[in-house]
Protein backbone atom coordinates (compact mmCIF):
# COMPACT_ATOMS: atom_id res chain seq x y z
CA MET A 1 5.69 5.39 12.41
CA GLU A 2 3.84 3.48 14.81
CA MET A 3 2.28 0.00 13.73
CA ASP A 4 -1.32 1.20 14.65
CA LYS A 5 -0.94 4.15 12.47
CA LEU A 6 0.12 1.99 9.77
CA ILE A 7 -2.67 -0.42 9.79
CA SER A 8 -5.38 2.38 10.02
CA MET A 9 -3.76 4.20 6.85
CA ASN A 10 -5.67 4.05 3.45
CA GLY A 11 -4.35 3.23 0.15
CA THR A 12 -2.62 6.53 -0.45
CA GLY A 13 -1.07 6.71 2.99
CA ILE A 14 0.29 3.00 2.32
CA VAL A 15 2.09 4.43 -0.96
CA LYS A 16 3.39 7.39 0.60
CA ALA A 17 4.84 5.30 3.25
CA ALA A 18 6.31 2.96 0.78
CA MET A 19 7.97 5.70 -1.18
CA ALA A 20 9.47 7.01 2.07
CA ASP A 21 10.56 3.71 2.99
CA SER A 22 12.36 2.70 -0.13
CA LYS A 23 13.37 6.69 -0.69
CA THR A 24 11.31 6.70 -4.06
CA THR A 25 10.55 10.34 -5.00
CA GLN A 26 7.55 11.22 -7.22
CA VAL A 27 10.06 11.83 -10.05
CA MET A 28 11.69 8.27 -9.66
CA LEU A 29 8.32 6.74 -9.50
CA THR A 30 7.01 8.64 -12.50
CA ALA A 31 9.85 7.25 -14.24
CA LYS A 32 9.49 3.52 -13.22
CA LEU A 33 5.97 3.63 -14.33
CA GLY A 34 6.67 5.13 -17.64
CA TYR A 35 4.40 8.42 -17.23
CA LYS A 36 5.44 11.62 -19.00
CA GLY A 37 4.93 14.00 -15.89
CA GLN A 38 5.37 13.91 -12.39
CA GLY A 39 1.92 15.43 -11.94
CA THR A 40 0.01 12.18 -12.51
CA ILE A 41 1.79 10.74 -9.55
CA SER A 42 1.38 13.89 -7.37
CA GLN A 43 -2.69 13.57 -8.39
CA ARG A 44 -2.69 10.04 -7.24
CA ILE A 45 -0.89 10.30 -4.07
CA ASN A 46 -3.29 13.40 -2.96
CA THR A 47 -6.59 11.72 -3.71
CA ALA A 48 -8.60 10.78 -0.82
CA ARG A 49 -9.45 7.48 -2.66
CA MET A 50 -6.97 5.53 -4.71
CA SER A 51 -8.38 2.84 -7.22
CA LEU A 52 -6.93 -0.86 -6.43
CA ASP A 53 -5.16 -1.09 -9.75
CA LYS A 54 -3.23 2.05 -9.18
CA PHE A 55 -2.46 1.02 -5.84
CA ALA A 56 -1.00 -2.02 -6.56
CA GLU A 57 1.14 -0.68 -9.86
CA MET A 58 2.56 1.98 -7.51
CA LEU A 59 3.67 -0.59 -4.98
CA ALA A 60 4.79 -2.85 -7.44
CA ALA A 61 7.10 -0.27 -9.29
CA MET A 62 8.44 0.34 -5.59
CA GLY A 63 9.37 -3.66 -5.15
CA TYR A 64 6.10 -4.17 -3.06
CA GLU A 65 3.39 -6.29 -3.46
CA VAL A 66 -0.44 -6.49 -2.50
CA VAL A 67 -1.29 -10.01 -0.40
CA VAL A 68 -4.71 -11.11 0.08
CA ARG A 69 -4.77 -14.09 1.87
CA LYS A 70 -7.97 -16.16 3.85
CA VAL A 71 -7.73 -15.87 7.69
CA LYS A 72 -9.14 -18.81 9.51
CA ASP A 73 -9.93 -18.45 13.63
CA LYS A 74 -6.99 -19.70 15.53
CA GLY A 75 -9.10 -21.54 17.79
CA SER A 76 -11.85 -23.16 15.74
CA GLY A 77 -10.44 -23.08 12.34
CA ASP A 78 -13.54 -21.37 11.19
CA ILE A 79 -13.62 -17.98 8.82
CA GLY A 80 -15.09 -15.45 10.94
CA PRO A 81 -17.74 -12.89 9.78
CA VAL A 82 -15.36 -10.10 10.65
CA ASP A 83 -11.98 -11.19 10.09
CA MET A 84 -12.79 -12.98 6.65
CA TRP A 85 -10.24 -11.10 4.82
CA LYS A 86 -7.17 -9.38 5.77
CA VAL A 87 -4.78 -7.27 4.19
CA GLU A 88 -1.09 -8.17 5.30
CA VAL A 89 0.69 -4.78 6.02
CA PRO A 90 4.11 -4.19 4.32
CA ASP A 91 7.04 -4.65 6.76
CA PHE A 92 8.23 -0.83 6.46
CA ASP A 93 10.96 0.35 8.55
CA LEU A 94 8.77 2.00 11.38
CA LYS A 95 11.22 4.66 12.72
């Protein structure tokens, strides 16, 4: 997977990439989260918009964390209006 494709993914795509990277199946993730059926995981990873709490919960169950940090302009040190907040991309194995 190319880095630019990873950065343009939505939450669902990032969870799917984390599942592939960590070799976690839907059944395994179901067990880690204590759900009764695998259908809950399937529904969440096949939705167009995943809530932030479910996104973070699923990633945490696979050993990932969501990091949000303030980013300053390298030259001036000011916080730019476009790059005020960035989400750090997980270090997936990009084969």
